PDB file of all heavy atoms in Angstrom:
ATOM      1  N   LEU A   1    -123.116   8.120  76.659  1.00  0.00           N
ATOM      2  CA  LEU A   1    -123.554   8.789  77.892  1.00  0.00           C
ATOM      3  C   LEU A   1    -124.583   7.897  78.591  1.00  0.00           C
ATOM      4  O   LEU A   1    -125.585   7.517  77.993  1.00  0.00           O
ATOM      5  CB  LEU A   1    -124.186  10.142  77.565  1.00  0.00           C
ATOM      6  CG  LEU A   1    -123.291  11.136  76.817  1.00  0.00           C
ATOM      7  CD1 LEU A   1    -124.118  12.325  76.346  1.00  0.00           C
ATOM      8  CD2 LEU A   1    -122.148  11.593  77.687  1.00  0.00           C
ATOM      9  N   ASP A   2    -124.318   7.567  79.843  1.00  0.00           N
ATOM     10  CA  ASP A   2    -125.247   6.763  80.653  1.00  0.00           C
ATOM     11  C   ASP A   2    -126.165   7.656  81.460  1.00  0.00           C
ATOM     12  O   ASP A   2    -125.771   8.722  81.917  1.00  0.00           O
ATOM     13  CB  ASP A   2    -124.489   5.887  81.636  1.00  0.00           C
ATOM     14  CG  ASP A   2    -124.019   4.583  81.034  1.00  0.00           C
ATOM     15  OD1 ASP A   2    -124.517   4.199  79.966  1.00  0.00           O
ATOM     16  OD2 ASP A   2    -123.148   3.940  81.655  1.00  0.00           O
ATOM     17  N   VAL A   3    -127.381   7.175  81.667  1.00  0.00           N
ATOM     18  CA  VAL A   3    -128.343   7.849  82.535  1.00  0.00           C
ATOM     19  C   VAL A   3    -128.301   7.147  83.880  1.00  0.00           C
ATOM     20  O   VAL A   3    -128.427   5.923  83.956  1.00  0.00           O
ATOM     21  CB  VAL A   3    -129.770   7.782  81.952  1.00  0.00           C
ATOM     22  CG1 VAL A   3    -130.771   8.391  82.910  1.00  0.00           C
ATOM     23  CG2 VAL A   3    -129.828   8.457  80.601  1.00  0.00           C
ATOM     24  N   THR A   4    -128.103   7.897  84.951  1.00  0.00           N
ATOM     25  CA  THR A   4    -128.170   7.347  86.309  1.00  0.00           C
ATOM     26  C   THR A   4    -129.203   8.125  87.095  1.00  0.00           C
ATOM     27  O   THR A   4    -129.298   9.344  86.977  1.00  0.00           O
ATOM     28  CB  THR A   4    -126.803   7.421  87.026  1.00  0.00           C
ATOM     29  OG1 THR A   4    -126.398   8.773  87.099  1.00  0.00           O
ATOM     30  CG2 THR A   4    -125.749   6.620  86.297  1.00  0.00           C
ATOM     31  N   CYS A   5    -130.003   7.399  87.883  1.00  0.00           N
ATOM     32  CA  CYS A   5    -131.083   8.036  88.647  1.00  0.00           C
ATOM     33  C   CYS A   5    -130.976   7.641  90.115  1.00  0.00           C
ATOM     34  O   CYS A   5    -130.741   6.470  90.434  1.00  0.00           O
ATOM     35  CB  CYS A   5    -132.444   7.624  88.097  1.00  0.00           C
ATOM     36  SG  CYS A   5    -132.668   8.031  86.351  1.00  0.00           S
ATOM     37  N   ALA A   6    -131.173   8.607  90.989  1.00  0.00           N
ATOM     38  CA  ALA A   6    -131.048   8.394  92.422  1.00  0.00           C
ATOM     39  C   ALA A   6    -132.317   7.812  93.054  1.00  0.00           C
ATOM     40  O   ALA A   6    -132.271   7.368  94.195  1.00  0.00           O
ATOM     41  CB  ALA A   6    -130.704   9.717  93.108  1.00  0.00           C
ATOM     42  N   ASN A   7    -133.417   7.773  92.335  1.00  0.00           N
ATOM     43  CA  ASN A   7    -134.684   7.271  92.870  1.00  0.00           C
ATOM     44  C   ASN A   7    -135.010   5.930  92.215  1.00  0.00           C
ATOM     45  O   ASN A   7    -134.977   5.811  90.997  1.00  0.00           O
ATOM     46  CB  ASN A   7    -135.777   8.302  92.583  1.00  0.00           C
ATOM     47  CG  ASN A   7    -137.061   8.005  93.297  1.00  0.00           C
ATOM     48  OD1 ASN A   7    -137.491   6.856  93.362  1.00  0.00           O
ATOM     49  ND2 ASN A   7    -137.700   9.039  93.819  1.00  0.00           N
ATOM     50  N   LYS A   8    -135.338   4.911  93.030  1.00  0.00           N
ATOM     51  CA  LYS A   8    -135.604   3.561  92.531  1.00  0.00           C
ATOM     52  C   LYS A   8    -136.709   3.499  91.487  1.00  0.00           C
ATOM     53  O   LYS A   8    -136.638   2.713  90.557  1.00  0.00           O
ATOM     54  CB  LYS A   8    -135.979   2.619  93.677  1.00  0.00           C
ATOM     55  CG  LYS A   8    -134.877   2.247  94.584  1.00  0.00           C
ATOM     56  CD  LYS A   8    -135.285   1.116  95.498  1.00  0.00           C
ATOM     57  CE  LYS A   8    -136.297   1.589  96.514  1.00  0.00           C
ATOM     58  NZ  LYS A   8    -136.528   0.592  97.588  1.00  0.00           N
ATOM     59  N   LYS A   9    -137.730   4.322  91.654  1.00  0.00           N
ATOM     60  CA  LYS A   9    -138.856   4.250  90.731  1.00  0.00           C
ATOM     61  C   LYS A   9    -138.479   4.684  89.309  1.00  0.00           C
ATOM     62  O   LYS A   9    -139.221   4.461  88.362  1.00  0.00           O
ATOM     63  CB  LYS A   9    -140.053   5.041  91.254  1.00  0.00           C
ATOM     64  CG  LYS A   9    -139.892   6.534  91.237  1.00  0.00           C
ATOM     65  CD  LYS A   9    -141.127   7.218  91.773  1.00  0.00           C
ATOM     66  CE  LYS A   9    -140.965   8.715  91.810  1.00  0.00           C
ATOM     67  NZ  LYS A   9    -142.155   9.377  92.336  1.00  0.00           N
ATOM     68  N   LEU A  10    -137.295   5.281  89.149  1.00  0.00           N
ATOM     69  CA  LEU A  10    -136.827   5.743  87.842  1.00  0.00           C
ATOM     70  C   LEU A  10    -135.923   4.739  87.141  1.00  0.00           C
ATOM     71  O   LEU A  10    -135.300   5.052  86.130  1.00  0.00           O
ATOM     72  CB  LEU A  10    -136.123   7.087  87.988  1.00  0.00           C
ATOM     73  CG  LEU A  10    -137.055   8.215  88.414  1.00  0.00           C
ATOM     74  CD1 LEU A  10    -136.262   9.403  88.933  1.00  0.00           C
ATOM     75  CD2 LEU A  10    -137.965   8.632  87.285  1.00  0.00           C
ATOM     76  N   ARG A  11    -135.861   3.507  87.631  1.00  0.00           N
ATOM     77  CA  ARG A  11    -135.042   2.476  86.972  1.00  0.00           C
ATOM     78  C   ARG A  11    -135.408   2.261  85.513  1.00  0.00           C
ATOM     79  O   ARG A  11    -134.526   1.994  84.691  1.00  0.00           O
ATOM     80  CB  ARG A  11    -135.105   1.169  87.756  1.00  0.00           C
ATOM     81  CG  ARG A  11    -134.281   1.234  89.002  1.00  0.00           C
ATOM     82  CD  ARG A  11    -134.149  -0.095  89.681  1.00  0.00           C
ATOM     83  NE  ARG A  11    -133.328   0.074  90.876  1.00  0.00           N
ATOM     84  CZ  ARG A  11    -133.357  -0.749  91.880  1.00  0.00           C
ATOM     85  NH1 ARG A  11    -134.146  -1.817  91.854  1.00  0.00           N
ATOM     86  NH2 ARG A  11    -132.598  -0.541  92.930  1.00  0.00           N
ATOM     87  N   PRO A  12    -136.686   2.348  85.137  1.00  0.00           N
ATOM     88  CA  PRO A  12    -136.997   2.209  83.704  1.00  0.00           C
ATOM     89  C   PRO A  12    -136.288   3.240  82.823  1.00  0.00           C
ATOM     90  O   PRO A  12    -135.925   2.948  81.696  1.00  0.00           O
ATOM     91  CB  PRO A  12    -138.523   2.388  83.652  1.00  0.00           C
ATOM     92  CG  PRO A  12    -139.005   1.996  84.998  1.00  0.00           C
ATOM     93  CD  PRO A  12    -137.915   2.433  85.940  1.00  0.00           C
ATOM     94  N   VAL A  13    -136.063   4.431  83.363  1.00  0.00           N
ATOM     95  CA  VAL A  13    -135.362   5.476  82.604  1.00  0.00           C
ATOM     96  C   VAL A  13    -133.914   5.065  82.391  1.00  0.00           C
ATOM     97  O   VAL A  13    -133.372   5.194  81.290  1.00  0.00           O
ATOM     98  CB  VAL A  13    -135.433   6.840  83.325  1.00  0.00           C
ATOM     99  CG1 VAL A  13    -134.655   7.903  82.577  1.00  0.00           C
ATOM    100  CG2 VAL A  13    -136.880   7.281  83.514  1.00  0.00           C
ATOM    101  N   MET A  14    -133.287   4.498  83.407  1.00  0.00           N
ATOM    102  CA  MET A  14    -131.888   4.067  83.284  1.00  0.00           C
ATOM    103  C   MET A  14    -131.739   2.930  82.271  1.00  0.00           C
ATOM    104  O   MET A  14    -130.731   2.852  81.581  1.00  0.00           O
ATOM    105  CB  MET A  14    -131.341   3.631  84.645  1.00  0.00           C
ATOM    106  CG  MET A  14    -131.209   4.768  85.624  1.00  0.00           C
ATOM    107  SD  MET A  14    -130.342   4.358  87.161  1.00  0.00           S
ATOM    108  CE  MET A  14    -131.311   3.040  87.829  1.00  0.00           C
ATOM    109  N   GLY A  15    -132.751   2.081  82.170  1.00  0.00           N
ATOM    110  CA  GLY A  15    -132.680   0.962  81.251  1.00  0.00           C
ATOM    111  C   GLY A  15    -133.040   1.304  79.824  1.00  0.00           C
ATOM    112  O   GLY A  15    -132.553   0.685  78.873  1.00  0.00           O
ATOM    113  N   ALA A  16    -133.907   2.299  79.633  1.00  0.00           N
ATOM    114  CA  ALA A  16    -134.434   2.595  78.301  1.00  0.00           C
ATOM    115  C   ALA A  16    -133.810   3.822  77.637  1.00  0.00           C
ATOM    116  O   ALA A  16    -133.964   4.018  76.446  1.00  0.00           O
ATOM    117  CB  ALA A  16    -135.952   2.789  78.374  1.00  0.00           C
ATOM    118  N   CYS A  17    -133.110   4.652  78.406  1.00  0.00           N
ATOM    119  CA  CYS A  17    -132.601   5.914  77.842  1.00  0.00           C
ATOM    120  C   CYS A  17    -131.074   5.968  77.887  1.00  0.00           C
ATOM    121  O   CYS A  17    -130.449   5.405  78.795  1.00  0.00           O
ATOM    122  CB  CYS A  17    -133.171   7.103  78.622  1.00  0.00           C
ATOM    123  SG  CYS A  17    -134.959   7.203  78.589  1.00  0.00           S
ATOM    124  N   GLU A  18    -130.519   6.690  76.926  1.00  0.00           N
ATOM    125  CA  GLU A  18    -129.073   6.887  76.866  1.00  0.00           C
ATOM    126  C   GLU A  18    -128.772   8.115  76.024  1.00  0.00           C
ATOM    127  O   GLU A  18    -129.661   8.674  75.385  1.00  0.00           O
ATOM    128  CB  GLU A  18    -128.377   5.672  76.273  1.00  0.00           C
ATOM    129  CG  GLU A  18    -128.743   5.421  74.824  1.00  0.00           C
ATOM    130  CD  GLU A  18    -128.040   4.193  74.249  1.00  0.00           C
ATOM    131  OE1 GLU A  18    -127.281   3.540  74.982  1.00  0.00           O
ATOM    132  OE2 GLU A  18    -128.259   3.900  73.075  1.00  0.00           O
ATOM    133  N   GLY A  19    -127.537   8.491  76.032  1.00  0.00           N
ATOM    134  CA  GLY A  19    -127.117   9.636  75.244  1.00  0.00           C
ATOM    135  C   GLY A  19    -125.933   9.290  74.370  1.00  0.00           C
ATOM    136  O   GLY A  19    -125.241   8.302  74.595  1.00  0.00           O
ATOM    137  N   GLN A  20    -125.711  10.123  73.377  1.00  0.00           N
ATOM    138  CA  GLN A  20    -124.614   9.954  72.424  1.00  0.00           C
ATOM    139  C   GLN A  20    -124.004  11.317  72.132  1.00  0.00           C
ATOM    140  O   GLN A  20    -124.734  12.277  71.885  1.00  0.00           O
ATOM    141  CB  GLN A  20    -125.168   9.337  71.142  1.00  0.00           C
ATOM    142  CG  GLN A  20    -124.155   8.730  70.244  1.00  0.00           C
ATOM    143  CD  GLN A  20    -123.807   7.321  70.643  1.00  0.00           C
ATOM    144  OE1 GLN A  20    -124.535   6.672  71.392  1.00  0.00           O
ATOM    145  NE2 GLN A  20    -122.700   6.832  70.172  1.00  0.00           N
ATOM    146  N   MET A  21    -122.676  11.400  72.146  1.00  0.00           N
ATOM    147  CA  MET A  21    -122.006  12.654  71.836  1.00  0.00           C
ATOM    148  C   MET A  21    -121.263  12.520  70.500  1.00  0.00           C
ATOM    149  O   MET A  21    -120.069  12.328  70.473  1.00  0.00           O
ATOM    150  CB  MET A  21    -121.013  13.039  72.928  1.00  0.00           C
ATOM    151  CG  MET A  21    -121.648  13.649  74.103  1.00  0.00           C
ATOM    152  SD  MET A  21    -120.518  14.567  75.189  1.00  0.00           S
ATOM    153  CE  MET A  21    -119.023  13.641  75.147  1.00  0.00           C
ATOM    154  N   THR A  22    -121.992  12.601  69.419  1.00  0.00           N
ATOM    155  CA  THR A  22    -121.356  12.509  68.105  1.00  0.00           C
ATOM    156  C   THR A  22    -120.931  13.872  67.577  1.00  0.00           C
ATOM    157  O   THR A  22    -120.076  13.955  66.713  1.00  0.00           O
ATOM    158  CB  THR A  22    -122.306  11.850  67.091  1.00  0.00           C
ATOM    159  OG1 THR A  22    -123.519  12.588  67.040  1.00  0.00           O
ATOM    160  CG2 THR A  22    -122.594  10.413  67.474  1.00  0.00           C
ATOM    161  N   ARG A  23    -121.546  14.935  68.099  1.00  0.00           N
ATOM    162  CA  ARG A  23    -121.240  16.288  67.641  1.00  0.00           C
ATOM    163  C   ARG A  23    -120.606  17.148  68.732  1.00  0.00           C
ATOM    164  O   ARG A  23    -120.637  18.358  68.672  1.00  0.00           O
ATOM    165  CB  ARG A  23    -122.503  16.956  67.112  1.00  0.00           C
ATOM    166  CG  ARG A  23    -123.030  16.295  65.845  1.00  0.00           C
ATOM    167  CD  ARG A  23    -124.304  16.919  65.413  1.00  0.00           C
ATOM    168  NE  ARG A  23    -125.374  16.124  66.019  1.00  0.00           N
ATOM    169  CZ  ARG A  23    -126.658  16.437  65.942  1.00  0.00           C
ATOM    170  NH1 ARG A  23    -127.034  17.515  65.314  1.00  0.00           N
ATOM    171  NH2 ARG A  23    -127.559  15.669  66.490  1.00  0.00           N
ATOM    172  N   GLY A  24    -120.075  16.522  69.749  1.00  0.00           N
ATOM    173  CA  GLY A  24    -119.408  17.258  70.815  1.00  0.00           C
ATOM    174  C   GLY A  24    -120.316  17.603  71.984  1.00  0.00           C
ATOM    175  O   GLY A  24    -121.494  17.242  72.017  1.00  0.00           O
ATOM    176  N   LEU A  25    -119.768  18.300  72.955  1.00  0.00           N
ATOM    177  CA  LEU A  25    -120.473  18.638  74.201  1.00  0.00           C
ATOM    178  C   LEU A  25    -121.655  19.574  73.991  1.00  0.00           C
ATOM    179  O   LEU A  25    -122.602  19.562  74.779  1.00  0.00           O
ATOM    180  CB  LEU A  25    -119.514  19.312  75.184  1.00  0.00           C
ATOM    181  CG  LEU A  25    -118.437  18.429  75.801  1.00  0.00           C
ATOM    182  CD1 LEU A  25    -117.488  19.280  76.610  1.00  0.00           C
ATOM    183  CD2 LEU A  25    -119.062  17.358  76.661  1.00  0.00           C
ATOM    184  N   SER A  26    -121.629  20.355  72.950  1.00  0.00           N
ATOM    185  CA  SER A  26    -122.673  21.352  72.768  1.00  0.00           C
ATOM    186  C   SER A  26    -123.997  20.778  72.263  1.00  0.00           C
ATOM    187  O   SER A  26    -125.033  21.415  72.390  1.00  0.00           O
ATOM    188  CB  SER A  26    -122.204  22.442  71.814  1.00  0.00           C
ATOM    189  OG  SER A  26    -121.960  21.892  70.542  1.00  0.00           O
TER     190      SER A  26
END
């Protein structure tokens, strides 16, 4: 799962954070 942010100042969040779905959507 990728993090995308609409505000430029949040680029560090896009580079440092991510998600993983190992146990499904829930």
